[in-house]
Amino acid sequence: MRSRKSVFMIIHETNRDSETSRSCGSGFVFKTRGGRCLVLTCEHVVADFQTSTDRLFIRRFLNLDSEQIEELPATLLYAESSRDIAILQVEGLSQHVPALRFSPMAIAPIGGTAIALGYCNPERLFSCLAFADFPAEVRNIHQEVRNIHQVIRL
């Protein structure tokens, strides 16, 4: 559960025609400096985000032993639908949040074990786990994020 501090809930609140709707997803910190961090999430979580009408923010547990949460606004820095990848910037974290590290393997082996992290209720963690086989080759997401990060500097 050490990595739990670095996994956030991403909330995209849409306000159109006096109607408010929300979509949620997970994201994780992959770079941090001071009170700012870069968060990797899926593009479909922030799809059609409009700065003039929508609100984008993160939610995270401050302490796993309590229900205390922190909500902070997020800024959309990059989104690409073809790769279903988006990068957000979050400022003003009340505590240091370590960046998660990618696996040192360039590409996950076919049939290998993979673990997916998401923002979840820790009390229901084991009742909602799902196991699956990955019969196809997995993209080299580490290289893709590194290439994108060369354009976006924190």
N, C-alpha and C. Protein backbone atom coordinates (compact mmCIF):
# COMPACT_ATOMS: atom_id res chain seq x y z
N MET A 1 0.81 -1.20 0.00
CA MET A 1 0.00 0.00 0.00
C MET A 1 0.86 1.26 0.00
N ARG A 2 2.17 1.10 -0.09
CA ARG A 2 3.07 2.25 -0.09
C ARG A 2 2.78 3.19 -1.25
N SER A 3 2.39 2.66 -2.37
CA SER A 3 2.14 3.48 -3.56
C SER A 3 0.78 4.18 -3.51
N ARG A 4 -0.04 3.85 -2.55
CA ARG A 4 -1.39 4.41 -2.45
C ARG A 4 -1.40 5.94 -2.42
N LYS A 5 -0.40 6.54 -1.76
CA LYS A 5 -0.33 8.01 -1.66
C LYS A 5 -0.22 8.67 -3.02
N SER A 6 0.29 7.94 -3.99
CA SER A 6 0.57 8.51 -5.31
C SER A 6 -0.53 8.26 -6.33
N VAL A 7 -1.61 7.61 -5.91
CA VAL A 7 -2.73 7.32 -6.81
C VAL A 7 -3.89 8.23 -6.43
N PHE A 8 -4.39 8.96 -7.42
CA PHE A 8 -5.45 9.95 -7.19
C PHE A 8 -6.71 9.57 -7.95
N MET A 9 -7.84 10.06 -7.45
CA MET A 9 -9.07 10.02 -8.22
C MET A 9 -9.09 11.31 -9.04
N ILE A 10 -9.37 11.20 -10.32
CA ILE A 10 -9.48 12.35 -11.21
C ILE A 10 -10.97 12.59 -11.44
N ILE A 11 -11.41 13.81 -11.22
CA ILE A 11 -12.83 14.13 -11.39
C ILE A 11 -12.97 15.25 -12.42
N HIS A 12 -13.75 14.98 -13.44
CA HIS A 12 -14.04 15.95 -14.51
C HIS A 12 -15.51 16.32 -14.37
N GLU A 13 -15.74 17.54 -13.94
CA GLU A 13 -17.10 18.04 -13.75
C GLU A 13 -17.47 18.91 -14.94
N THR A 14 -18.52 18.53 -15.63
CA THR A 14 -18.96 19.22 -16.84
C THR A 14 -20.20 20.05 -16.52
N ASN A 15 -20.18 21.31 -16.93
CA ASN A 15 -21.33 22.21 -16.74
C ASN A 15 -21.76 22.73 -18.11
N ARG A 16 -22.83 22.15 -18.64
CA ARG A 16 -23.34 22.57 -19.95
C ARG A 16 -24.85 22.70 -19.87
N ASP A 17 -25.35 23.80 -20.40
CA ASP A 17 -26.80 24.02 -20.45
C ASP A 17 -27.46 23.83 -19.08
N SER A 18 -26.86 24.39 -18.05
CA SER A 18 -27.36 24.32 -16.67
C SER A 18 -27.43 22.89 -16.13
N GLU A 19 -26.74 21.97 -16.77
CA GLU A 19 -26.68 20.58 -16.32
C GLU A 19 -25.25 20.28 -15.88
N THR A 20 -25.11 19.68 -14.71
CA THR A 20 -23.80 19.30 -14.21
C THR A 20 -23.69 17.78 -14.21
N SER A 21 -22.59 17.28 -14.76
CA SER A 21 -22.33 15.84 -14.73
C SER A 21 -20.87 15.63 -14.37
N ARG A 22 -20.58 14.45 -13.87
CA ARG A 22 -19.22 14.11 -13.46
C ARG A 22 -18.78 12.81 -14.09
N SER A 23 -17.50 12.77 -14.46
CA SER A 23 -16.88 11.51 -14.83
C SER A 23 -15.64 11.38 -13.97
N CYS A 24 -15.32 10.16 -13.60
CA CYS A 24 -14.19 9.92 -12.70
C CYS A 24 -13.28 8.85 -13.27
N GLY A 25 -12.04 8.91 -12.86
CA GLY A 25 -11.06 7.91 -13.24
C GLY A 25 -9.92 7.95 -12.25
N SER A 26 -8.89 7.19 -12.54
CA SER A 26 -7.70 7.15 -11.69
C SER A 26 -6.52 7.77 -12.41
N GLY A 27 -5.56 8.21 -11.64
CA GLY A 27 -4.31 8.71 -12.19
C GLY A 27 -3.24 8.54 -11.14
N PHE A 28 -1.98 8.60 -11.58
CA PHE A 28 -0.90 8.47 -10.61
C PHE A 28 0.19 9.49 -10.89
N VAL A 29 0.90 9.86 -9.84
CA VAL A 29 1.98 10.84 -9.92
C VAL A 29 3.19 10.16 -10.55
N PHE A 30 3.74 10.77 -11.62
CA PHE A 30 4.95 10.23 -12.21
C PHE A 30 6.12 11.20 -12.12
N LYS A 31 5.86 12.44 -11.68
CA LYS A 31 6.94 13.40 -11.46
C LYS A 31 6.47 14.39 -10.41
N THR A 32 7.38 14.76 -9.52
CA THR A 32 7.03 15.71 -8.47
C THR A 32 8.20 16.64 -8.19
N ARG A 33 7.86 17.88 -7.87
CA ARG A 33 8.86 18.87 -7.48
C ARG A 33 8.18 19.87 -6.57
N GLY A 34 8.66 19.93 -5.32
CA GLY A 34 8.03 20.83 -4.36
C GLY A 34 6.58 20.44 -4.14
N GLY A 35 5.69 21.39 -4.19
CA GLY A 35 4.27 21.13 -4.02
C GLY A 35 3.54 20.88 -5.32
N ARG A 36 4.29 20.69 -6.43
CA ARG A 36 3.66 20.44 -7.73
C ARG A 36 3.96 19.01 -8.18
N CYS A 37 3.03 18.45 -8.93
CA CYS A 37 3.27 17.12 -9.48
C CYS A 37 2.58 16.97 -10.83
N LEU A 38 3.10 16.04 -11.61
CA LEU A 38 2.48 15.66 -12.88
C LEU A 38 1.78 14.32 -12.67
N VAL A 39 0.57 14.23 -13.17
CA VAL A 39 -0.27 13.05 -12.97
C VAL A 39 -0.62 12.47 -14.34
N LEU A 40 -0.42 11.17 -14.48
CA LEU A 40 -0.76 10.46 -15.71
C LEU A 40 -2.12 9.81 -15.53
N THR A 41 -3.00 10.03 -16.49
CA THR A 41 -4.33 9.43 -16.47
C THR A 41 -4.72 9.07 -17.89
N CYS A 42 -5.93 8.58 -18.08
CA CYS A 42 -6.42 8.25 -19.41
C CYS A 42 -7.13 9.46 -20.02
N GLU A 43 -6.98 9.62 -21.32
CA GLU A 43 -7.61 10.74 -22.02
C GLU A 43 -9.12 10.68 -21.92
N HIS A 44 -9.70 9.48 -21.92
CA HIS A 44 -11.16 9.39 -21.88
C HIS A 44 -11.74 9.96 -20.58
N VAL A 45 -10.93 10.08 -19.53
CA VAL A 45 -11.40 10.67 -18.27
C VAL A 45 -11.61 12.18 -18.44
N VAL A 46 -10.78 12.81 -19.25
CA VAL A 46 -10.83 14.27 -19.43
C VAL A 46 -11.32 14.67 -20.81
N ALA A 47 -11.88 13.73 -21.55
CA ALA A 47 -12.32 13.99 -22.93
C ALA A 47 -13.28 15.18 -22.98
N ASP A 48 -13.10 16.00 -23.99
CA ASP A 48 -13.96 17.17 -24.23
C ASP A 48 -13.91 18.20 -23.11
N PHE A 49 -12.81 18.23 -22.34
CA PHE A 49 -12.67 19.22 -21.27
C PHE A 49 -12.62 20.62 -21.86
N GLN A 50 -13.42 21.52 -21.31
CA GLN A 50 -13.45 22.93 -21.74
C GLN A 50 -13.14 23.80 -20.53
N THR A 51 -12.05 24.58 -20.62
CA THR A 51 -11.63 25.39 -19.48
C THR A 51 -12.67 26.43 -19.08
N SER A 52 -13.48 26.88 -20.02
CA SER A 52 -14.45 27.94 -19.71
C SER A 52 -15.66 27.45 -18.90
N THR A 53 -16.01 26.17 -19.02
CA THR A 53 -17.22 25.68 -18.36
C THR A 53 -17.00 24.50 -17.43
N ASP A 54 -15.90 23.80 -17.57
CA ASP A 54 -15.68 22.57 -16.82
C ASP A 54 -14.72 22.77 -15.66
N ARG A 55 -14.75 21.80 -14.77
CA ARG A 55 -13.85 21.81 -13.61
C ARG A 55 -13.13 20.47 -13.56
N LEU A 56 -11.83 20.52 -13.32
CA LEU A 56 -11.01 19.32 -13.25
C LEU A 56 -10.27 19.35 -11.92
N PHE A 57 -10.39 18.28 -11.14
CA PHE A 57 -9.70 18.26 -9.86
C PHE A 57 -9.35 16.84 -9.46
N ILE A 58 -8.46 16.73 -8.45
CA ILE A 58 -8.06 15.42 -7.94
C ILE A 58 -8.59 15.28 -6.52
N ARG A 59 -8.74 14.04 -6.12
CA ARG A 59 -9.12 13.71 -4.75
C ARG A 59 -8.17 12.61 -4.29
N ARG A 60 -7.69 12.74 -3.05
CA ARG A 60 -6.81 11.71 -2.52
C ARG A 60 -7.00 11.57 -1.02
N PHE A 61 -6.72 10.37 -0.52
CA PHE A 61 -6.74 10.14 0.92
C PHE A 61 -5.49 10.76 1.53
N LEU A 62 -5.66 11.49 2.62
CA LEU A 62 -4.51 12.04 3.34
C LEU A 62 -3.91 11.01 4.27
N ASN A 63 -4.74 10.11 4.77
CA ASN A 63 -4.29 9.11 5.72
C ASN A 63 -5.14 7.87 5.50
N LEU A 64 -4.49 6.74 5.33
CA LEU A 64 -5.24 5.51 5.07
C LEU A 64 -6.07 5.06 6.28
N ASP A 65 -5.68 5.51 7.47
CA ASP A 65 -6.40 5.10 8.68
C ASP A 65 -7.64 5.95 8.94
N SER A 66 -7.80 7.03 8.20
CA SER A 66 -8.96 7.89 8.41
C SER A 66 -9.64 8.17 7.08
N GLU A 67 -10.73 8.85 7.14
CA GLU A 67 -11.47 9.19 5.93
C GLU A 67 -11.12 10.57 5.41
N GLN A 68 -10.05 11.18 5.93
CA GLN A 68 -9.67 12.52 5.49
C GLN A 68 -9.23 12.51 4.04
N ILE A 69 -9.81 13.42 3.27
CA ILE A 69 -9.42 13.53 1.87
C ILE A 69 -8.98 14.96 1.58
N GLU A 70 -8.25 15.10 0.49
CA GLU A 70 -7.83 16.41 0.00
C GLU A 70 -8.30 16.52 -1.44
N GLU A 71 -8.89 17.65 -1.79
CA GLU A 71 -9.28 17.92 -3.17
C GLU A 71 -8.54 19.16 -3.64
N LEU A 72 -7.96 19.06 -4.82
CA LEU A 72 -7.22 20.18 -5.39
C LEU A 72 -7.53 20.30 -6.88
N PRO A 73 -7.53 21.53 -7.40
CA PRO A 73 -7.74 21.70 -8.84
C PRO A 73 -6.57 21.13 -9.63
N ALA A 74 -6.87 20.68 -10.82
CA ALA A 74 -5.84 20.15 -11.72
C ALA A 74 -5.90 20.93 -13.03
N THR A 75 -4.75 21.04 -13.67
CA THR A 75 -4.65 21.70 -14.96
C THR A 75 -4.32 20.66 -16.02
N LEU A 76 -5.08 20.63 -17.09
CA LEU A 76 -4.81 19.71 -18.19
C LEU A 76 -3.67 20.26 -19.03
N LEU A 77 -2.55 19.52 -19.08
CA LEU A 77 -1.39 19.94 -19.85
C LEU A 77 -1.32 19.27 -21.22
N TYR A 78 -1.77 18.03 -21.30
CA TYR A 78 -1.62 17.26 -22.53
C TYR A 78 -2.70 16.18 -22.58
N ALA A 79 -3.25 15.96 -23.74
CA ALA A 79 -4.22 14.87 -23.94
C ALA A 79 -4.10 14.37 -25.37
N GLU A 80 -4.08 13.07 -25.52
CA GLU A 80 -4.01 12.45 -26.84
C GLU A 80 -4.94 11.25 -26.87
N SER A 81 -6.00 11.35 -27.66
CA SER A 81 -7.01 10.30 -27.68
C SER A 81 -6.52 9.01 -28.33
N SER A 82 -5.62 9.09 -29.31
CA SER A 82 -5.16 7.87 -29.99
C SER A 82 -4.39 6.95 -29.05
N ARG A 83 -3.75 7.49 -28.04
CA ARG A 83 -3.04 6.68 -27.05
C ARG A 83 -3.80 6.60 -25.73
N ASP A 84 -4.92 7.31 -25.64
CA ASP A 84 -5.73 7.37 -24.42
C ASP A 84 -4.86 7.75 -23.22
N ILE A 85 -4.13 8.85 -23.39
CA ILE A 85 -3.22 9.31 -22.35
C ILE A 85 -3.41 10.81 -22.12
N ALA A 86 -3.34 11.22 -20.87
CA ALA A 86 -3.45 12.64 -20.53
C ALA A 86 -2.52 12.92 -19.36
N ILE A 87 -2.00 14.15 -19.32
CA ILE A 87 -1.12 14.59 -18.24
C ILE A 87 -1.73 15.82 -17.60
N LEU A 88 -1.84 15.77 -16.28
CA LEU A 88 -2.38 16.87 -15.49
C LEU A 88 -1.29 17.42 -14.58
N GLN A 89 -1.40 18.69 -14.24
CA GLN A 89 -0.53 19.27 -13.23
C GLN A 89 -1.38 19.64 -12.02
N VAL A 90 -0.87 19.30 -10.85
CA VAL A 90 -1.55 19.59 -9.60
C VAL A 90 -0.58 20.36 -8.71
N GLU A 91 -1.06 21.45 -8.12
CA GLU A 91 -0.24 22.26 -7.23
C GLU A 91 -0.90 22.37 -5.86
N GLY A 92 -0.08 22.62 -4.84
CA GLY A 92 -0.60 22.88 -3.50
C GLY A 92 -0.86 21.66 -2.65
N LEU A 93 -0.19 20.55 -2.93
CA LEU A 93 -0.39 19.35 -2.11
C LEU A 93 0.05 19.63 -0.68
N SER A 94 -0.73 19.16 0.28
CA SER A 94 -0.42 19.42 1.69
C SER A 94 0.71 18.53 2.21
N GLN A 95 0.98 17.43 1.54
CA GLN A 95 2.03 16.50 1.94
C GLN A 95 2.84 16.13 0.70
N HIS A 96 4.09 15.71 0.93
CA HIS A 96 4.91 15.23 -0.19
C HIS A 96 4.28 13.94 -0.74
N VAL A 97 4.23 13.86 -2.04
CA VAL A 97 3.69 12.68 -2.72
C VAL A 97 4.80 12.12 -3.60
N PRO A 98 5.26 10.90 -3.34
CA PRO A 98 6.33 10.34 -4.16
C PRO A 98 5.83 9.96 -5.56
N ALA A 99 6.69 10.13 -6.53
CA ALA A 99 6.37 9.71 -7.90
C ALA A 99 6.51 8.20 -7.99
N LEU A 100 5.56 7.56 -8.66
CA LEU A 100 5.68 6.12 -8.90
C LEU A 100 6.68 5.90 -10.01
N ARG A 101 7.38 4.80 -9.93
CA ARG A 101 8.37 4.50 -10.96
C ARG A 101 7.83 3.41 -11.88
N PHE A 102 8.15 3.56 -13.15
CA PHE A 102 7.77 2.53 -14.12
C PHE A 102 8.69 1.33 -13.96
N SER A 103 8.22 0.19 -14.39
CA SER A 103 9.02 -1.02 -14.37
C SER A 103 10.27 -0.82 -15.20
N PRO A 104 11.40 -1.39 -14.78
CA PRO A 104 12.62 -1.25 -15.59
C PRO A 104 12.56 -2.01 -16.90
N MET A 105 11.60 -2.93 -17.04
CA MET A 105 11.48 -3.67 -18.30
C MET A 105 10.92 -2.75 -19.37
N ALA A 106 11.49 -2.80 -20.56
CA ALA A 106 11.03 -1.95 -21.66
C ALA A 106 9.61 -2.33 -22.09
N ILE A 107 9.37 -3.63 -22.22
CA ILE A 107 8.06 -4.11 -22.65
C ILE A 107 7.70 -5.31 -21.78
N ALA A 108 6.49 -5.33 -21.30
CA ALA A 108 6.04 -6.46 -20.48
C ALA A 108 5.98 -7.71 -21.34
N PRO A 109 6.45 -8.84 -20.81
CA PRO A 109 6.42 -10.07 -21.61
C PRO A 109 5.00 -10.58 -21.79
N ILE A 110 4.75 -11.20 -22.94
CA ILE A 110 3.45 -11.80 -23.20
C ILE A 110 3.22 -12.89 -22.17
N GLY A 111 2.05 -12.86 -21.55
CA GLY A 111 1.74 -13.84 -20.51
C GLY A 111 2.29 -13.46 -19.14
N GLY A 112 2.99 -12.33 -19.05
CA GLY A 112 3.55 -11.88 -17.78
C GLY A 112 2.49 -11.30 -16.86
N THR A 113 2.88 -11.09 -15.63
CA THR A 113 1.96 -10.54 -14.64
C THR A 113 1.99 -9.03 -14.69
N ALA A 114 0.84 -8.42 -14.64
CA ALA A 114 0.74 -6.96 -14.60
C ALA A 114 -0.22 -6.58 -13.49
N ILE A 115 0.08 -5.49 -12.82
CA ILE A 115 -0.78 -5.00 -11.75
C ILE A 115 -1.29 -3.63 -12.15
N ALA A 116 -2.59 -3.44 -12.07
CA ALA A 116 -3.19 -2.14 -12.39
C ALA A 116 -3.59 -1.46 -11.09
N LEU A 117 -3.16 -0.21 -10.94
CA LEU A 117 -3.52 0.57 -9.76
C LEU A 117 -4.67 1.48 -10.09
N GLY A 118 -5.54 1.67 -9.15
CA GLY A 118 -6.63 2.60 -9.33
C GLY A 118 -7.03 3.18 -7.99
N TYR A 119 -7.74 4.26 -8.03
CA TYR A 119 -8.22 4.88 -6.80
C TYR A 119 -9.40 4.07 -6.33
N CYS A 120 -9.28 3.48 -5.17
CA CYS A 120 -10.34 2.58 -4.72
C CYS A 120 -10.56 2.73 -3.22
N ASN A 121 -11.59 2.10 -2.76
CA ASN A 121 -11.88 2.04 -1.33
C ASN A 121 -11.02 0.92 -0.76
N PRO A 122 -10.06 1.22 0.14
CA PRO A 122 -9.16 0.17 0.63
C PRO A 122 -9.88 -0.96 1.36
N GLU A 123 -11.05 -0.70 1.92
CA GLU A 123 -11.79 -1.75 2.61
C GLU A 123 -12.36 -2.78 1.63
N ARG A 124 -12.56 -2.39 0.39
CA ARG A 124 -13.13 -3.30 -0.61
C ARG A 124 -12.08 -3.75 -1.62
N LEU A 125 -10.80 -3.49 -1.34
CA LEU A 125 -9.74 -3.76 -2.31
C LEU A 125 -9.78 -5.19 -2.82
N PHE A 126 -9.81 -6.16 -1.92
CA PHE A 126 -9.69 -7.54 -2.35
C PHE A 126 -10.99 -8.11 -2.89
N SER A 127 -12.12 -7.49 -2.59
CA SER A 127 -13.38 -7.98 -3.13
C SER A 127 -13.62 -7.49 -4.56
N CYS A 128 -12.81 -6.53 -5.02
CA CYS A 128 -13.04 -6.00 -6.37
C CYS A 128 -11.83 -6.19 -7.28
N LEU A 129 -10.91 -7.09 -6.90
CA LEU A 129 -9.77 -7.38 -7.77
C LEU A 129 -10.24 -8.22 -8.95
N ALA A 130 -9.61 -8.00 -10.09
CA ALA A 130 -9.92 -8.79 -11.27
C ALA A 130 -8.61 -9.27 -11.88
N PHE A 131 -8.56 -10.51 -12.29
CA PHE A 131 -7.37 -11.07 -12.90
C PHE A 131 -7.65 -11.33 -14.37
N ALA A 132 -6.66 -11.08 -15.19
CA ALA A 132 -6.84 -11.28 -16.63
C ALA A 132 -5.51 -11.64 -17.26
N ASP A 133 -5.58 -12.36 -18.36
CA ASP A 133 -4.39 -12.66 -19.15
C ASP A 133 -4.26 -11.63 -20.24
N PHE A 134 -3.03 -11.25 -20.56
CA PHE A 134 -2.77 -10.31 -21.64
C PHE A 134 -2.12 -11.09 -22.78
N PRO A 135 -2.92 -11.57 -23.72
CA PRO A 135 -2.37 -12.41 -24.78
C PRO A 135 -1.56 -11.63 -25.82
N ALA A 136 -1.75 -10.33 -25.89
CA ALA A 136 -1.06 -9.54 -26.91
C ALA A 136 0.09 -8.76 -26.29
N GLU A 137 0.97 -8.28 -27.15
CA GLU A 137 2.10 -7.48 -26.68
C GLU A 137 1.60 -6.14 -26.15
N VAL A 138 2.16 -5.71 -25.05
CA VAL A 138 1.78 -4.44 -24.42
C VAL A 138 2.70 -3.34 -24.94
N ARG A 139 2.11 -2.15 -25.22
CA ARG A 139 2.91 -1.03 -25.71
C ARG A 139 3.95 -0.61 -24.69
N ASN A 140 5.00 0.02 -25.17
CA ASN A 140 6.05 0.54 -24.30
C ASN A 140 5.63 1.91 -23.78
N ILE A 141 4.78 1.93 -22.76
CA ILE A 141 4.24 3.18 -22.24
C ILE A 141 5.32 4.02 -21.59
N HIS A 142 6.36 3.37 -21.03
CA HIS A 142 7.46 4.12 -20.41
C HIS A 142 8.10 5.05 -21.43
N GLN A 143 8.39 4.56 -22.62
CA GLN A 143 9.01 5.39 -23.66
C GLN A 143 8.05 6.46 -24.15
N GLU A 144 6.77 6.12 -24.28
CA GLU A 144 5.79 7.10 -24.74
C GLU A 144 5.68 8.26 -23.76
N VAL A 145 5.63 7.96 -22.47
CA VAL A 145 5.54 9.03 -21.47
C VAL A 145 6.82 9.85 -21.45
N ARG A 146 7.97 9.19 -21.59
CA ARG A 146 9.24 9.93 -21.62
C ARG A 146 9.27 10.88 -22.81
N ASN A 147 8.82 10.45 -23.97
CA ASN A 147 8.79 11.32 -25.14
C ASN A 147 7.87 12.51 -24.92
N ILE A 148 6.71 12.28 -24.33
CA ILE A 148 5.78 13.37 -24.05
C ILE A 148 6.37 14.30 -23.00
N HIS A 149 7.03 13.74 -21.99
CA HIS A 149 7.58 14.55 -20.91
C HIS A 149 8.70 15.46 -21.40
N GLN A 150 9.36 15.12 -22.49
CA GLN A 150 10.39 16.00 -23.03
C GLN A 150 9.78 17.32 -23.49
N VAL A 151 8.51 17.31 -23.84
CA VAL A 151 7.82 18.52 -24.27
C VAL A 151 7.25 19.27 -23.06
N ILE A 152 6.78 18.54 -22.07
CA ILE A 152 6.17 19.15 -20.88
C ILE A 152 7.17 19.07 -19.74
N ARG A 153 7.64 20.19 -19.28
CA ARG A 153 8.62 20.23 -18.19
C ARG A 153 7.96 20.72 -16.91
N LEU A 154 8.30 20.09 -15.80
CA LEU A 154 7.79 20.53 -14.50
C LEU A 154 8.82 21.42 -13.86
